[in-house]
Amino acid sequence: KQKMGTGVDIYMVGVQEMVLDTIKKTGFDQSIYLLDEYDAAKVENI
């Protein structure tokens, strides 16, 4: 069993609508970054 440190950022890119709905209902969207498409400039500046 492994755990991620508190300084780890989780990105989800191009999530399907049904998956996004579930992520929001569970509140997991408060712990991750959601992006429509991958953009290195955005990822490095968040």
PDB file of N, CA and C in Angstrom:
ATOM      1  N   LYS A   1       0.849  -1.180   0.000  1.00  0.00           N
ATOM      2  CA  LYS A   1       0.000   0.000   0.000  1.00  0.00           C
ATOM      3  C   LYS A   1       0.888   1.234   0.000  1.00  0.00           C
ATOM      4  N   GLN A   2       0.590   2.166  -0.890  1.00  0.00           N
ATOM      5  CA  GLN A   2       1.365   3.399  -0.974  1.00  0.00           C
ATOM      6  C   GLN A   2       0.435   4.593  -0.830  1.00  0.00           C
ATOM      7  N   LYS A   3       0.985   5.666  -0.312  1.00  0.00           N
ATOM      8  CA  LYS A   3       0.222   6.899  -0.165  1.00  0.00           C
ATOM      9  C   LYS A   3       0.981   8.026  -0.833  1.00  0.00           C
ATOM     10  N   MET A   4       0.226   8.983  -1.376  1.00  0.00           N
ATOM     11  CA  MET A   4       0.841  10.161  -1.974  1.00  0.00           C
ATOM     12  C   MET A   4       1.020  11.223  -0.899  1.00  0.00           C
ATOM     13  N   GLY A   5       2.053  12.009  -1.040  1.00  0.00           N
ATOM     14  CA  GLY A   5       2.290  13.097  -0.107  1.00  0.00           C
ATOM     15  C   GLY A   5       1.286  14.219  -0.299  1.00  0.00           C
ATOM     16  N   THR A   6       1.268  15.146   0.624  1.00  0.00           N
ATOM     17  CA  THR A   6       0.314  16.254   0.561  1.00  0.00           C
ATOM     18  C   THR A   6       0.634  17.240  -0.551  1.00  0.00           C
ATOM     19  N   GLY A   7       1.853  17.232  -1.047  1.00  0.00           N
ATOM     20  CA  GLY A   7       2.248  18.163  -2.099  1.00  0.00           C
ATOM     21  C   GLY A   7       1.997  17.657  -3.502  1.00  0.00           C
ATOM     22  N   VAL A   8       1.279  16.554  -3.641  1.00  0.00           N
ATOM     23  CA  VAL A   8       1.023  15.965  -4.956  1.00  0.00           C
ATOM     24  C   VAL A   8      -0.216  16.599  -5.576  1.00  0.00           C
ATOM     25  N   ASP A   9      -0.107  17.014  -6.830  1.00  0.00           N
ATOM     26  CA  ASP A   9      -1.249  17.550  -7.568  1.00  0.00           C
ATOM     27  C   ASP A   9      -1.770  16.475  -8.514  1.00  0.00           C
ATOM     28  N   ILE A  10      -3.088  16.324  -8.548  1.00  0.00           N
ATOM     29  CA  ILE A  10      -3.719  15.351  -9.435  1.00  0.00           C
ATOM     30  C   ILE A  10      -4.481  16.117 -10.508  1.00  0.00           C
ATOM     31  N   TYR A  11      -4.199  15.781 -11.759  1.00  0.00           N
ATOM     32  CA  TYR A  11      -4.853  16.407 -12.898  1.00  0.00           C
ATOM     33  C   TYR A  11      -5.672  15.365 -13.644  1.00  0.00           C
ATOM     34  N   MET A  12      -6.878  15.749 -14.046  1.00  0.00           N
ATOM     35  CA  MET A  12      -7.699  14.889 -14.897  1.00  0.00           C
ATOM     36  C   MET A  12      -8.009  15.697 -16.150  1.00  0.00           C
ATOM     37  N   VAL A  13      -7.682  15.116 -17.286  1.00  0.00           N
ATOM     38  CA  VAL A  13      -7.790  15.832 -18.559  1.00  0.00           C
ATOM     39  C   VAL A  13      -8.827  15.162 -19.451  1.00  0.00           C
ATOM     40  N   GLY A  14      -9.749  15.976 -19.990  1.00  0.00           N
ATOM     41  CA  GLY A  14     -10.735  15.480 -20.943  1.00  0.00           C
ATOM     42  C   GLY A  14     -11.680  14.442 -20.370  1.00  0.00           C
ATOM     43  N   VAL A  15     -12.156  14.683 -19.169  1.00  0.00           N
ATOM     44  CA  VAL A  15     -13.030  13.724 -18.482  1.00  0.00           C
ATOM     45  C   VAL A  15     -14.405  13.691 -19.160  1.00  0.00           C
ATOM     46  N   GLN A  16     -14.924  12.486 -19.367  1.00  0.00           N
ATOM     47  CA  GLN A  16     -16.254  12.331 -19.956  1.00  0.00           C
ATOM     48  C   GLN A  16     -17.311  12.857 -18.994  1.00  0.00           C
ATOM     49  N   GLU A  17     -18.429  13.310 -19.546  1.00  0.00           N
ATOM     50  CA  GLU A  17     -19.478  13.961 -18.764  1.00  0.00           C
ATOM     51  C   GLU A  17     -20.000  13.082 -17.625  1.00  0.00           C
ATOM     52  N   MET A  18     -20.222  11.807 -17.880  1.00  0.00           N
ATOM     53  CA  MET A  18     -20.735  10.916 -16.826  1.00  0.00           C
ATOM     54  C   MET A  18     -19.722  10.748 -15.701  1.00  0.00           C
ATOM     55  N   VAL A  19     -18.462  10.666 -16.043  1.00  0.00           N
ATOM     56  CA  VAL A  19     -17.407  10.543 -15.038  1.00  0.00           C
ATOM     57  C   VAL A  19     -17.299  11.841 -14.248  1.00  0.00           C
ATOM     58  N   LEU A  20     -17.350  12.967 -14.942  1.00  0.00           N
ATOM     59  CA  LEU A  20     -17.274  14.275 -14.291  1.00  0.00           C
ATOM     60  C   LEU A  20     -18.421  14.452 -13.300  1.00  0.00           C
ATOM     61  N   ASP A  21     -19.607  14.021 -13.676  1.00  0.00           N
ATOM     62  CA  ASP A  21     -20.765  14.115 -12.789  1.00  0.00           C
ATOM     63  C   ASP A  21     -20.518  13.340 -11.493  1.00  0.00           C
ATOM     64  N   THR A  22     -19.987  12.145 -11.609  1.00  0.00           N
ATOM     65  CA  THR A  22     -19.683  11.328 -10.427  1.00  0.00           C
ATOM     66  C   THR A  22     -18.604  11.974  -9.575  1.00  0.00           C
ATOM     67  N   ILE A  23     -17.580  12.515 -10.218  1.00  0.00           N
ATOM     68  CA  ILE A  23     -16.492  13.185  -9.495  1.00  0.00           C
ATOM     69  C   ILE A  23     -17.045  14.352  -8.680  1.00  0.00           C
ATOM     70  N   LYS A  24     -17.945  15.119  -9.282  1.00  0.00           N
ATOM     71  CA  LYS A  24     -18.526  16.271  -8.582  1.00  0.00           C
ATOM     72  C   LYS A  24     -19.470  15.843  -7.462  1.00  0.00           C
ATOM     73  N   LYS A  25     -20.249  14.800  -7.676  1.00  0.00           N
ATOM     74  CA  LYS A  25     -21.183  14.329  -6.646  1.00  0.00           C
ATOM     75  C   LYS A  25     -20.456  13.821  -5.407  1.00  0.00           C
ATOM     76  N   THR A  26     -19.284  13.253  -5.596  1.00  0.00           N
ATOM     77  CA  THR A  26     -18.524  12.724  -4.463  1.00  0.00           C
ATOM     78  C   THR A  26     -17.653  13.786  -3.799  1.00  0.00           C
ATOM     79  N   GLY A  27     -17.532  14.962  -4.436  1.00  0.00           N
ATOM     80  CA  GLY A  27     -16.710  16.025  -3.877  1.00  0.00           C
ATOM     81  C   GLY A  27     -15.236  15.896  -4.207  1.00  0.00           C
ATOM     82  N   PHE A  28     -14.891  14.884  -5.006  1.00  0.00           N
ATOM     83  CA  PHE A  28     -13.490  14.665  -5.376  1.00  0.00           C
ATOM     84  C   PHE A  28     -12.944  15.816  -6.220  1.00  0.00           C
ATOM     85  N   ASP A  29     -13.843  16.579  -6.864  1.00  0.00           N
ATOM     86  CA  ASP A  29     -13.406  17.711  -7.686  1.00  0.00           C
ATOM     87  C   ASP A  29     -12.737  18.800  -6.849  1.00  0.00           C
ATOM     88  N   GLN A  30     -12.934  18.777  -5.537  1.00  0.00           N
ATOM     89  CA  GLN A  30     -12.297  19.751  -4.655  1.00  0.00           C
ATOM     90  C   GLN A  30     -10.832  19.410  -4.400  1.00  0.00           C
ATOM     91  N   SER A  31     -10.431  18.194  -4.762  1.00  0.00           N
ATOM     92  CA  SER A  31      -9.074  17.718  -4.485  1.00  0.00           C
ATOM     93  C   SER A  31      -8.206  17.593  -5.726  1.00  0.00           C
ATOM     94  N   ILE A  32      -8.767  17.883  -6.895  1.00  0.00           N
ATOM     95  CA  ILE A  32      -8.039  17.681  -8.148  1.00  0.00           C
ATOM     96  C   ILE A  32      -8.167  18.899  -9.050  1.00  0.00           C
ATOM     97  N   TYR A  33      -7.387  18.905 -10.107  1.00  0.00           N
ATOM     98  CA  TYR A  33      -7.495  19.924 -11.145  1.00  0.00           C
ATOM     99  C   TYR A  33      -8.126  19.274 -12.365  1.00  0.00           C
ATOM    100  N   LEU A  34      -9.206  19.860 -12.874  1.00  0.00           N
ATOM    101  CA  LEU A  34      -9.883  19.353 -14.060  1.00  0.00           C
ATOM    102  C   LEU A  34      -9.555  20.256 -15.245  1.00  0.00           C
ATOM    103  N   LEU A  35      -9.096  19.659 -16.330  1.00  0.00           N
ATOM    104  CA  LEU A  35      -8.762  20.400 -17.539  1.00  0.00           C
ATOM    105  C   LEU A  35      -9.495  19.788 -18.724  1.00  0.00           C
ATOM    106  N   ASP A  36      -9.960  20.645 -19.644  1.00  0.00           N
ATOM    107  CA  ASP A  36     -10.622  20.147 -20.851  1.00  0.00           C
ATOM    108  C   ASP A  36      -9.628  19.490 -21.797  1.00  0.00           C
ATOM    109  N   GLU A  37      -8.442  20.083 -21.887  1.00  0.00           N
ATOM    110  CA  GLU A  37      -7.394  19.525 -22.742  1.00  0.00           C
ATOM    111  C   GLU A  37      -6.043  19.778 -22.099  1.00  0.00           C
ATOM    112  N   TYR A  38      -5.082  18.945 -22.435  1.00  0.00           N
ATOM    113  CA  TYR A  38      -3.755  19.082 -21.842  1.00  0.00           C
ATOM    114  C   TYR A  38      -3.054  20.303 -22.409  1.00  0.00           C
ATOM    115  N   ASP A  39      -2.559  21.142 -21.530  1.00  0.00           N
ATOM    116  CA  ASP A  39      -1.787  22.323 -21.907  1.00  0.00           C
ATOM    117  C   ASP A  39      -0.674  22.460 -20.875  1.00  0.00           C
ATOM    118  N   ALA A  40       0.554  22.194 -21.301  1.00  0.00           N
ATOM    119  CA  ALA A  40       1.694  22.210 -20.381  1.00  0.00           C
ATOM    120  C   ALA A  40       1.824  23.551 -19.665  1.00  0.00           C
ATOM    121  N   ALA A  41       1.528  24.649 -20.349  1.00  0.00           N
ATOM    122  CA  ALA A  41       1.639  25.972 -19.734  1.00  0.00           C
ATOM    123  C   ALA A  41       0.665  26.112 -18.561  1.00  0.00           C
ATOM    124  N   LYS A  42      -0.549  25.612 -18.712  1.00  0.00           N
ATOM    125  CA  LYS A  42      -1.529  25.681 -17.625  1.00  0.00           C
ATOM    126  C   LYS A  42      -1.117  24.789 -16.459  1.00  0.00           C
ATOM    127  N   VAL A  43      -0.659  23.599 -16.766  1.00  0.00           N
ATOM    128  CA  VAL A  43      -0.288  22.639 -15.727  1.00  0.00           C
ATOM    129  C   VAL A  43       0.868  23.168 -14.892  1.00  0.00           C
ATOM    130  N   GLU A  44       1.831  23.782 -15.521  1.00  0.00           N
ATOM    131  CA  GLU A  44       2.997  24.286 -14.800  1.00  0.00           C
ATOM    132  C   GLU A  44       2.695  25.538 -13.997  1.00  0.00           C
ATOM    133  N   ASN A  45       1.598  26.247 -14.305  1.00  0.00           N
ATOM    134  CA  ASN A  45       1.277  27.501 -13.622  1.00  0.00           C
ATOM    135  C   ASN A  45       0.176  27.366 -12.585  1.00  0.00           C
ATOM    136  N   ILE A  46      -0.388  26.197 -12.436  1.00  0.00           N
ATOM    137  CA  ILE A  46      -1.479  26.022 -11.449  1.00  0.00           C
ATOM    138  C   ILE A  46      -0.881  25.860 -10.071  1.00  0.00           C
TER     139      ILE A  46
END
